[in-house]
Every structure is written in structure tokens, then in C-alpha cells.
């Protein structure tokens, strides 16, 4: 039984983790709206979820350590998704590519998707709890 619950929740856990990571990226974009030369970043959620679930191969480039004294490369991309720069709609004089309307809309949509997924997970736990009650 525990294996079945674990398998059911793996997809939802992965999706929530990716949604949270996307929310961090979007919040970073919004926070840096006035930073000169800041480039807005985002990723395709559908392909990232497929990659995280092992349905596709992630094309990542690993750094080669030619000496044991070399430090391993640390990445802020802990979910191994293909984070890309957003396309610039209207060029800015200071080189910043953050479009606040696009960022706010993406942030709100991602937040609603997270809320819906968390509500679904909560209802599944309630259902499973009710099934276990005598």
C-alpha cells in the first residue's frame, strides 16, 4: 500500500517542486526589474516535468575536473531544468529585459497552478485518511 501511495505522490511532489522553483525564478525577475543589464529567466514547465520524471534526457553539459583539487561546480538550478532567457518584447535603454506585465501574469498563473495542485493533494490525503478509518 505504501508503495502505491508513494508512486501516486511522486508526480505531484515533482510538479510542486518545479512550480516552487519557477516561482523563485519569476520572483527574482520581478525583484530585479530595475537592475541594469538583468536578463529575465524562465523555463518550459511541461518539458521540465517530463525531464524530471525521466521521460526525456536532459541535455546538460558537465564541467570536467582535471585535478582533484578543483572544486565541483555549484549550480542554483537544483532541478536540472533548462532555464532560458526570456525574449525581449521592448528593448530597454539599460539592457534590462524584465517586462513587468509578463512577469506578473506568469507569477499569478504559476501561483494558481500551485494552489490547485496543493488542493488536489490535500483532497487525496483526506480521501486516503477516510479510507483508513474504521
C-alpha atoms as a PDB file:
ATOM      1  CA  UNK A   1       0.000   0.000   0.000  1.00  0.00           C
ATOM      2  CA  UNK A   2       2.771   2.424   0.929  1.00  0.00           C
ATOM      3  CA  UNK A   3       4.466   1.818  -2.419  1.00  0.00           C
ATOM      4  CA  UNK A   4       1.265   2.727  -4.244  1.00  0.00           C
ATOM      5  CA  UNK A   5       0.833   5.940  -2.285  1.00  0.00           C
ATOM      6  CA  UNK A   6       4.474   6.795  -2.884  1.00  0.00           C
ATOM      7  CA  UNK A   7       4.103   6.262  -6.626  1.00  0.00           C
ATOM      8  CA  UNK A   8       0.920   8.352  -6.714  1.00  0.00           C
ATOM      9  CA  UNK A   9       2.559  11.229  -4.878  1.00  0.00           C
ATOM     10  CA  UNK A  10       5.855  11.189  -6.812  1.00  0.00           C
ATOM     11  CA  UNK A  11       4.352  13.022  -9.793  1.00  0.00           C
ATOM     12  CA  UNK A  12       2.673  15.629  -7.586  1.00  0.00           C
ATOM     13  CA  UNK A  13       5.774  16.145  -5.464  1.00  0.00           C
ATOM     14  CA  UNK A  14       7.919  16.646  -8.550  1.00  0.00           C
ATOM     15  CA  UNK A  15       5.389  19.037 -10.072  1.00  0.00           C
ATOM     16  CA  UNK A  16       5.168  21.075  -6.849  1.00  0.00           C
ATOM     17  CA  UNK A  17       8.956  21.274  -6.577  1.00  0.00           C
ATOM     18  CA  UNK A  18       9.223  22.537 -10.154  1.00  0.00           C
ATOM     19  CA  UNK A  19       6.390  25.034  -9.592  1.00  0.00           C
ATOM     20  CA  UNK A  20       8.196  26.338  -6.494  1.00  0.00           C
ATOM     21  CA  UNK A  21      11.454  26.673  -8.449  1.00  0.00           C
ATOM     22  CA  UNK A  22       9.634  28.532 -11.236  1.00  0.00           C
ATOM     23  CA  UNK A  23       8.052  30.824  -8.635  1.00  0.00           C
ATOM     24  CA  UNK A  24      11.545  31.641  -7.342  1.00  0.00           C
ATOM     25  CA  UNK A  25      12.743  32.481 -10.859  1.00  0.00           C
ATOM     26  CA  UNK A  26       9.737  34.698 -11.548  1.00  0.00           C
ATOM     27  CA  UNK A  27      10.114  36.449  -8.181  1.00  0.00           C
ATOM     28  CA  UNK A  28      13.770  37.055  -8.990  1.00  0.00           C
ATOM     29  CA  UNK A  29      12.768  38.586 -12.315  1.00  0.00           C
ATOM     30  CA  UNK A  30      10.286  40.896 -10.603  1.00  0.00           C
ATOM     31  CA  UNK A  31      12.757  41.843  -7.876  1.00  0.00           C
ATOM     32  CA  UNK A  32      15.376  42.769 -10.486  1.00  0.00           C
ATOM     33  CA  UNK A  33      13.067  44.816 -12.698  1.00  0.00           C
ATOM     34  CA  UNK A  34      15.189  47.932 -12.148  1.00  0.00           C
ATOM     35  CA  UNK A  35      18.605  46.249 -12.246  1.00  0.00           C
ATOM     36  CA  UNK A  36      20.632  47.348 -15.283  1.00  0.00           C
ATOM     37  CA  UNK A  37      21.517  44.530 -17.710  1.00  0.00           C
ATOM     38  CA  UNK A  38      19.432  41.954 -15.810  1.00  0.00           C
ATOM     39  CA  UNK A  39      18.051  39.280 -18.139  1.00  0.00           C
ATOM     40  CA  UNK A  40      14.667  37.770 -17.236  1.00  0.00           C
ATOM     41  CA  UNK A  41      14.710  33.954 -16.993  1.00  0.00           C
ATOM     42  CA  UNK A  42      12.088  31.222 -17.152  1.00  0.00           C
ATOM     43  CA  UNK A  43      11.686  27.617 -18.271  1.00  0.00           C
ATOM     44  CA  UNK A  44       9.142  25.459 -20.059  1.00  0.00           C
ATOM     45  CA  UNK A  45       7.294  23.688 -17.252  1.00  0.00           C
ATOM     46  CA  UNK A  46       5.961  20.831 -19.391  1.00  0.00           C
ATOM     47  CA  UNK A  47       9.353  19.768 -20.726  1.00  0.00           C
ATOM     48  CA  UNK A  48      10.979  20.258 -17.308  1.00  0.00           C
ATOM     49  CA  UNK A  49       8.384  17.995 -15.688  1.00  0.00           C
ATOM     50  CA  UNK A  50       8.869  15.346 -18.364  1.00  0.00           C
ATOM     51  CA  UNK A  51      12.636  15.533 -17.831  1.00  0.00           C
ATOM     52  CA  UNK A  52      12.314  15.331 -14.051  1.00  0.00           C
ATOM     53  CA  UNK A  53      10.109  12.258 -14.344  1.00  0.00           C
ATOM     54  CA  UNK A  54      12.694  10.605 -16.581  1.00  0.00           C
ATOM     55  CA  UNK A  55      10.641  10.724 -19.779  1.00  0.00           C
ATOM     56  CA  UNK A  56      13.272  12.743 -21.646  1.00  0.00           C
ATOM     57  CA  UNK A  57      17.005  13.113 -21.479  1.00  0.00           C
ATOM     58  CA  UNK A  58      18.237  16.425 -20.176  1.00  0.00           C
ATOM     59  CA  UNK A  59      20.996  17.779 -22.360  1.00  0.00           C
ATOM     60  CA  UNK A  60      23.262  19.173 -19.691  1.00  0.00           C
ATOM     61  CA  UNK A  61      26.923  19.923 -20.058  1.00  0.00           C
ATOM     62  CA  UNK A  62      29.032  18.846 -17.118  1.00  0.00           C
ATOM     63  CA  UNK A  63      32.287  20.565 -16.237  1.00  0.00           C
ATOM     64  CA  UNK A  64      35.423  18.465 -16.353  1.00  0.00           C
ATOM     65  CA  UNK A  65      37.584  18.384 -13.251  1.00  0.00           C
ATOM     66  CA  UNK A  66      41.166  17.871 -14.390  1.00  0.00           C
ATOM     67  CA  UNK A  67      42.569  17.889 -10.870  1.00  0.00           C
ATOM     68  CA  UNK A  68      41.294  16.512  -7.563  1.00  0.00           C
ATOM     69  CA  UNK A  69      41.956  19.975  -6.112  1.00  0.00           C
ATOM     70  CA  UNK A  70      39.323  21.524  -8.389  1.00  0.00           C
ATOM     71  CA  UNK A  71      36.014  22.376  -6.749  1.00  0.00           C
ATOM     72  CA  UNK A  72      32.814  20.900  -8.134  1.00  0.00           C
ATOM     73  CA  UNK A  73      30.613  23.385  -9.962  1.00  0.00           C
ATOM     74  CA  UNK A  74      27.725  24.558  -7.827  1.00  0.00           C
ATOM     75  CA  UNK A  75      24.508  25.372  -9.603  1.00  0.00           C
ATOM     76  CA  UNK A  76      21.449  27.262  -8.448  1.00  0.00           C
ATOM     77  CA  UNK A  77      19.465  25.080 -10.855  1.00  0.00           C
ATOM     78  CA  UNK A  78      18.854  22.246  -8.395  1.00  0.00           C
ATOM     79  CA  UNK A  79      16.144  20.625 -10.538  1.00  0.00           C
ATOM     80  CA  UNK A  80      18.324  20.370 -13.646  1.00  0.00           C
ATOM     81  CA  UNK A  81      15.874  22.239 -15.867  1.00  0.00           C
ATOM     82  CA  UNK A  82      16.739  24.161 -18.998  1.00  0.00           C
ATOM     83  CA  UNK A  83      16.451  27.744 -17.720  1.00  0.00           C
ATOM     84  CA  UNK A  84      16.418  30.197 -20.602  1.00  0.00           C
ATOM     85  CA  UNK A  85      16.356  33.946 -21.001  1.00  0.00           C
ATOM     86  CA  UNK A  86      13.013  35.494 -21.865  1.00  0.00           C
ATOM     87  CA  UNK A  87      12.515  37.017 -25.275  1.00  0.00           C
ATOM     88  CA  UNK A  88      12.692  40.784 -25.189  1.00  0.00           C
ATOM     89  CA  UNK A  89       9.482  42.499 -26.336  1.00  0.00           C
ATOM     90  CA  UNK A  90      10.529  46.074 -25.884  1.00  0.00           C
ATOM     91  CA  UNK A  91      14.203  46.942 -25.601  1.00  0.00           C
ATOM     92  CA  UNK A  92      15.287  48.874 -22.548  1.00  0.00           C
ATOM     93  CA  UNK A  93      17.957  51.552 -22.515  1.00  0.00           C
ATOM     94  CA  UNK A  94      19.727  49.940 -19.549  1.00  0.00           C
ATOM     95  CA  UNK A  95      19.680  46.407 -21.060  1.00  0.00           C
ATOM     96  CA  UNK A  96      17.095  45.010 -18.629  1.00  0.00           C
ATOM     97  CA  UNK A  97      14.676  42.519 -20.269  1.00  0.00           C
ATOM     98  CA  UNK A  98      12.082  42.284 -17.477  1.00  0.00           C
ATOM     99  CA  UNK A  99       8.562  43.084 -18.691  1.00  0.00           C
ATOM    100  CA  UNK A 100       6.530  43.525 -15.513  1.00  0.00           C
ATOM    101  CA  UNK A 101       3.202  42.697 -17.176  1.00  0.00           C
ATOM    102  CA  UNK A 102       4.537  39.374 -18.474  1.00  0.00           C
ATOM    103  CA  UNK A 103       6.238  38.558 -15.167  1.00  0.00           C
ATOM    104  CA  UNK A 104       3.190  39.364 -13.034  1.00  0.00           C
ATOM    105  CA  UNK A 105       0.925  37.293 -15.293  1.00  0.00           C
ATOM    106  CA  UNK A 106       3.323  34.329 -15.234  1.00  0.00           C
ATOM    107  CA  UNK A 107       3.736  34.653 -11.451  1.00  0.00           C
ATOM    108  CA  UNK A 108      -0.028  34.707 -10.873  1.00  0.00           C
ATOM    109  CA  UNK A 109      -0.652  31.783 -13.233  1.00  0.00           C
ATOM    110  CA  UNK A 110       2.085  29.704 -11.590  1.00  0.00           C
ATOM    111  CA  UNK A 111       0.706  30.530  -8.123  1.00  0.00           C
ATOM    112  CA  UNK A 112      -2.789  29.425  -9.174  1.00  0.00           C
ATOM    113  CA  UNK A 113      -1.384  26.179 -10.596  1.00  0.00           C
ATOM    114  CA  UNK A 114       0.446  25.543  -7.312  1.00  0.00           C
ATOM    115  CA  UNK A 115      -2.694  26.218  -5.279  1.00  0.00           C
ATOM    116  CA  UNK A 116      -4.751  23.874  -7.454  1.00  0.00           C
ATOM    117  CA  UNK A 117      -2.161  21.115  -7.168  1.00  0.00           C
ATOM    118  CA  UNK A 118      -1.882  21.537  -3.393  1.00  0.00           C
ATOM    119  CA  UNK A 119      -5.672  21.431  -3.053  1.00  0.00           C
ATOM    120  CA  UNK A 120      -5.714  18.225  -5.111  1.00  0.00           C
ATOM    121  CA  UNK A 121      -3.007  16.652  -2.925  1.00  0.00           C
ATOM    122  CA  UNK A 122      -4.889  17.696   0.211  1.00  0.00           C
ATOM    123  CA  UNK A 123      -8.116  16.125  -1.038  1.00  0.00           C
ATOM    124  CA  UNK A 124      -6.268  12.901  -1.901  1.00  0.00           C
ATOM    125  CA  UNK A 125      -4.859  12.718   1.626  1.00  0.00           C
ATOM    126  CA  UNK A 126      -8.324  13.293   3.073  1.00  0.00           C
ATOM    127  CA  UNK A 127      -9.714  10.514   0.879  1.00  0.00           C
ATOM    128  CA  UNK A 128      -6.945   8.123   1.907  1.00  0.00           C
ATOM    129  CA  UNK A 129      -7.395   9.057   5.558  1.00  0.00           C
ATOM    130  CA  UNK A 130     -11.134   8.384   5.318  1.00  0.00           C
ATOM    131  CA  UNK A 131     -10.446   5.018   3.708  1.00  0.00           C
ATOM    132  CA  UNK A 132      -8.185   4.041   6.593  1.00  0.00           C
ATOM    133  CA  UNK A 133     -10.675   4.964   9.310  1.00  0.00           C
ATOM    134  CA  UNK A 134     -12.593   2.065  10.851  1.00  0.00           C
END
